[in-house]
Every structure is written in structure tokens, then in C-alpha cells.
Amino acid sequence: MNALFPMGRHVFSTALTPPHQQPPFQAGMEKIYSSPATPTPPTLATILDSPTLLLINVATVLLIPLWRDIHFYSAHRFLHLRPLYRLVHSLHHRNTDPEPFSGLAMHPVEHL
């Protein structure tokens, strides 16, 4: 921990991730929970008492990871089309430094 990033490495890595690469749910939750007027989340008892809230929570837990994987896979496969790979995406695959932030080694066009 340090004064610039008091919550540690997670905040630092999220700060470096462009908003278009964050799943919409994550970006929305970060916006909601960084607001000073953050509503109190429902308690477990409230969720279990309401079939609608329970269904929303179960669907969120099951579908958000699926959506993130499908989105990432599709976007990454698109970048492997020959012209895009040769001109843009090959920079990412030339990175030989295996560290947590190596996935961010991308051509600027990939951030668009």
C-alpha cells in the first residue's frame, strides 16, 4: 500500500484498464459504489424473501462471467484476422514479460 493507491494493486490495475475493456456490469458497479450517495445493498434475508431479487442475483452470478468470456473471446478472435493481427495485435503477442500487467501491452489501436 502507498499514498497514491491506498487500496493496493487492484485499484492500480483497474485504473489502467480502459472503460471499454471492463464488462458493463463491472463499470456500472464501480460507478455506483464510488458515489457518495451509494444506496445500501439489500440484505441476504431481503433477497431470499423476494423471488425477483433472488432470480436477478442468480442470473447475475451465472450470466455475467459467461458474457465476459464470450465478449473477450470474440474481440480477441477479431484481432487475429490477418490484417489486424499483422498491423496491430502482433505487438501484444511479442511481449515476453510474464507479469500481471503484460496483458495490457497492446497497440494503441486495440484500445479503440
C-alpha atoms as a PDB file:
ATOM      1  CA  MET A   1       0.000   0.000   0.000  1.00  0.00           C
ATOM      2  CA  ASN A   2       1.057   3.540  -0.618  1.00  0.00           C
ATOM      3  CA  ALA A   3      -0.390   7.036  -0.518  1.00  0.00           C
ATOM      4  CA  LEU A   4      -1.119   7.171  -4.260  1.00  0.00           C
ATOM      5  CA  PHE A   5      -3.027   3.864  -4.406  1.00  0.00           C
ATOM      6  CA  PRO A   6      -4.323   3.310  -0.862  1.00  0.00           C
ATOM      7  CA  MET A   7      -6.360   0.208  -1.697  1.00  0.00           C
ATOM      8  CA  GLY A   8      -3.412  -1.600  -3.220  1.00  0.00           C
ATOM      9  CA  ARG A   9      -2.713  -3.213  -6.548  1.00  0.00           C
ATOM     10  CA  HIS A  10      -6.352  -3.910  -7.501  1.00  0.00           C
ATOM     11  CA  VAL A  11      -7.179  -0.216  -7.759  1.00  0.00           C
ATOM     12  CA  PHE A  12      -3.979   0.367  -9.726  1.00  0.00           C
ATOM     13  CA  SER A  13      -4.794  -2.378 -12.249  1.00  0.00           C
ATOM     14  CA  THR A  14      -8.413  -1.227 -12.596  1.00  0.00           C
ATOM     15  CA  ALA A  15      -7.250   2.342 -13.124  1.00  0.00           C
ATOM     16  CA  LEU A  16      -5.127   1.173 -16.064  1.00  0.00           C
ATOM     17  CA  THR A  17      -7.945  -0.804 -17.679  1.00  0.00           C
ATOM     18  CA  PRO A  18      -9.743   1.336 -20.258  1.00  0.00           C
ATOM     19  CA  PRO A  19     -13.510   1.535 -19.599  1.00  0.00           C
ATOM     20  CA  HIS A  20     -14.354  -0.185 -22.915  1.00  0.00           C
ATOM     21  CA  GLN A  21     -12.435  -3.275 -21.759  1.00  0.00           C
ATOM     22  CA  GLN A  22     -14.309  -3.553 -18.489  1.00  0.00           C
ATOM     23  CA  PRO A  23     -17.501  -5.546 -18.563  1.00  0.00           C
ATOM     24  CA  PRO A  24     -20.509  -3.216 -18.391  1.00  0.00           C
ATOM     25  CA  PHE A  25     -21.532  -4.708 -15.043  1.00  0.00           C
ATOM     26  CA  GLN A  26     -18.101  -4.011 -13.503  1.00  0.00           C
ATOM     27  CA  ALA A  27     -18.010  -0.470 -14.860  1.00  0.00           C
ATOM     28  CA  GLY A  28     -21.531   0.159 -13.536  1.00  0.00           C
ATOM     29  CA  MET A  29     -20.779  -1.264 -10.100  1.00  0.00           C
ATOM     30  CA  GLU A  30     -17.608   0.813  -9.823  1.00  0.00           C
ATOM     31  CA  LYS A  31     -19.625   3.909 -10.719  1.00  0.00           C
ATOM     32  CA  ILE A  32     -22.341   3.105  -8.195  1.00  0.00           C
ATOM     33  CA  TYR A  33     -20.055   2.183  -5.309  1.00  0.00           C
ATOM     34  CA  SER A  34     -17.691   5.104  -5.844  1.00  0.00           C
ATOM     35  CA  SER A  35     -20.583   7.543  -5.496  1.00  0.00           C
ATOM     36  CA  PRO A  36     -21.019   9.324  -2.153  1.00  0.00           C
ATOM     37  CA  ALA A  37     -24.754   8.611  -2.372  1.00  0.00           C
ATOM     38  CA  THR A  38     -24.304   4.833  -2.567  1.00  0.00           C
ATOM     39  CA  PRO A  39     -27.512   3.025  -1.633  1.00  0.00           C
ATOM     40  CA  THR A  40     -27.316   0.278   0.964  1.00  0.00           C
ATOM     41  CA  PRO A  41     -27.313  -3.095  -0.801  1.00  0.00           C
ATOM     42  CA  PRO A  42     -30.163  -5.467   0.075  1.00  0.00           C
ATOM     43  CA  THR A  43     -29.514  -7.949   2.856  1.00  0.00           C
ATOM     44  CA  LEU A  44     -29.474 -11.694   2.253  1.00  0.00           C
ATOM     45  CA  ALA A  45     -32.838 -12.002   4.028  1.00  0.00           C
ATOM     46  CA  THR A  46     -34.377  -9.415   1.676  1.00  0.00           C
ATOM     47  CA  ILE A  47     -33.004 -11.220  -1.386  1.00  0.00           C
ATOM     48  CA  LEU A  48     -34.246 -14.621  -0.196  1.00  0.00           C
ATOM     49  CA  ASP A  49     -37.712 -13.231   0.569  1.00  0.00           C
ATOM     50  CA  SER A  50     -38.137 -11.757  -2.905  1.00  0.00           C
ATOM     51  CA  PRO A  51     -38.279 -14.217  -5.821  1.00  0.00           C
ATOM     52  CA  THR A  52     -37.473 -11.390  -8.243  1.00  0.00           C
ATOM     53  CA  LEU A  53     -34.348 -10.273  -6.352  1.00  0.00           C
ATOM     54  CA  LEU A  54     -33.267 -13.891  -5.962  1.00  0.00           C
ATOM     55  CA  LEU A  55     -33.674 -14.531  -9.704  1.00  0.00           C
ATOM     56  CA  ILE A  56     -31.772 -11.333 -10.561  1.00  0.00           C
ATOM     57  CA  ASN A  57     -28.887 -12.305  -8.261  1.00  0.00           C
ATOM     58  CA  VAL A  58     -28.687 -15.886  -9.528  1.00  0.00           C
ATOM     59  CA  ALA A  59     -28.840 -14.711 -13.158  1.00  0.00           C
ATOM     60  CA  THR A  60     -26.141 -12.123 -12.476  1.00  0.00           C
ATOM     61  CA  VAL A  61     -23.826 -14.659 -10.863  1.00  0.00           C
ATOM     62  CA  LEU A  62     -24.298 -17.105 -13.748  1.00  0.00           C
ATOM     63  CA  LEU A  63     -24.563 -14.833 -16.782  1.00  0.00           C
ATOM     64  CA  ILE A  64     -22.021 -12.064 -16.181  1.00  0.00           C
ATOM     65  CA  PRO A  65     -18.969 -14.397 -16.279  1.00  0.00           C
ATOM     66  CA  LEU A  66     -20.417 -16.074 -19.380  1.00  0.00           C
ATOM     67  CA  TRP A  67     -20.935 -12.705 -21.104  1.00  0.00           C
ATOM     68  CA  ARG A  68     -17.404 -11.585 -20.165  1.00  0.00           C
ATOM     69  CA  ASP A  69     -15.859 -14.747 -21.604  1.00  0.00           C
ATOM     70  CA  ILE A  70     -17.891 -14.572 -24.828  1.00  0.00           C
ATOM     71  CA  HIS A  71     -17.083 -10.873 -25.258  1.00  0.00           C
ATOM     72  CA  PHE A  72     -13.356 -11.328 -24.612  1.00  0.00           C
ATOM     73  CA  TYR A  73     -13.098 -14.370 -26.868  1.00  0.00           C
ATOM     74  CA  SER A  74     -14.967 -12.655 -29.728  1.00  0.00           C
ATOM     75  CA  ALA A  75     -12.926  -9.463 -29.503  1.00  0.00           C
ATOM     76  CA  HIS A  76      -9.660 -11.408 -29.313  1.00  0.00           C
ATOM     77  CA  ARG A  77     -10.564 -13.627 -32.289  1.00  0.00           C
ATOM     78  CA  PHE A  78     -11.433 -10.483 -34.273  1.00  0.00           C
ATOM     79  CA  LEU A  79      -7.927  -9.162 -33.573  1.00  0.00           C
ATOM     80  CA  HIS A  80      -6.487 -12.375 -35.023  1.00  0.00           C
ATOM     81  CA  LEU A  81      -7.833 -11.634 -38.516  1.00  0.00           C
ATOM     82  CA  ARG A  82      -4.732 -11.446 -40.684  1.00  0.00           C
ATOM     83  CA  PRO A  83      -4.639  -7.660 -41.420  1.00  0.00           C
ATOM     84  CA  LEU A  84      -5.408  -6.669 -37.834  1.00  0.00           C
ATOM     85  CA  TYR A  85      -3.009  -9.214 -36.399  1.00  0.00           C
ATOM     86  CA  ARG A  86      -0.118  -8.186 -38.625  1.00  0.00           C
ATOM     87  CA  LEU A  87      -0.577  -4.429 -38.187  1.00  0.00           C
ATOM     88  CA  VAL A  88      -1.900  -4.185 -34.639  1.00  0.00           C
ATOM     89  CA  HIS A  89      -2.257  -7.268 -32.443  1.00  0.00           C
ATOM     90  CA  SER A  90       1.146  -8.883 -33.056  1.00  0.00           C
ATOM     91  CA  LEU A  91       2.650  -6.346 -30.634  1.00  0.00           C
ATOM     92  CA  HIS A  92       0.678  -7.970 -27.804  1.00  0.00           C
ATOM     93  CA  HIS A  93       1.997 -11.443 -28.687  1.00  0.00           C
ATOM     94  CA  ARG A  94       5.596 -10.224 -28.947  1.00  0.00           C
ATOM     95  CA  ASN A  95       5.590  -9.302 -25.242  1.00  0.00           C
ATOM     96  CA  THR A  96       7.774 -11.838 -23.425  1.00  0.00           C
ATOM     97  CA  ASP A  97       7.493 -10.423 -19.922  1.00  0.00           C
ATOM     98  CA  PRO A  98       5.247 -12.784 -17.884  1.00  0.00           C
ATOM     99  CA  GLU A  99       3.907 -10.457 -15.216  1.00  0.00           C
ATOM    100  CA  PRO A 100       0.395  -9.432 -14.159  1.00  0.00           C
ATOM    101  CA  PHE A 101       0.274  -6.338 -16.380  1.00  0.00           C
ATOM    102  CA  SER A 102       1.635  -7.985 -19.548  1.00  0.00           C
ATOM    103  CA  GLY A 103      -1.923  -8.326 -20.832  1.00  0.00           C
ATOM    104  CA  LEU A 104      -2.026  -4.542 -21.071  1.00  0.00           C
ATOM    105  CA  ALA A 105       0.856  -4.492 -23.580  1.00  0.00           C
ATOM    106  CA  MET A 106      -1.234  -3.538 -26.589  1.00  0.00           C
ATOM    107  CA  HIS A 107      -1.082  -1.367 -29.644  1.00  0.00           C
ATOM    108  CA  PRO A 108      -2.969   1.926 -29.113  1.00  0.00           C
ATOM    109  CA  VAL A 109      -5.486   0.948 -31.827  1.00  0.00           C
ATOM    110  CA  GLU A 110      -6.587  -2.026 -29.703  1.00  0.00           C
ATOM    111  CA  HIS A 111      -7.872   0.411 -27.088  1.00  0.00           C
ATOM    112  CA  LEU A 112     -10.368   1.891 -29.542  1.00  0.00           C
END
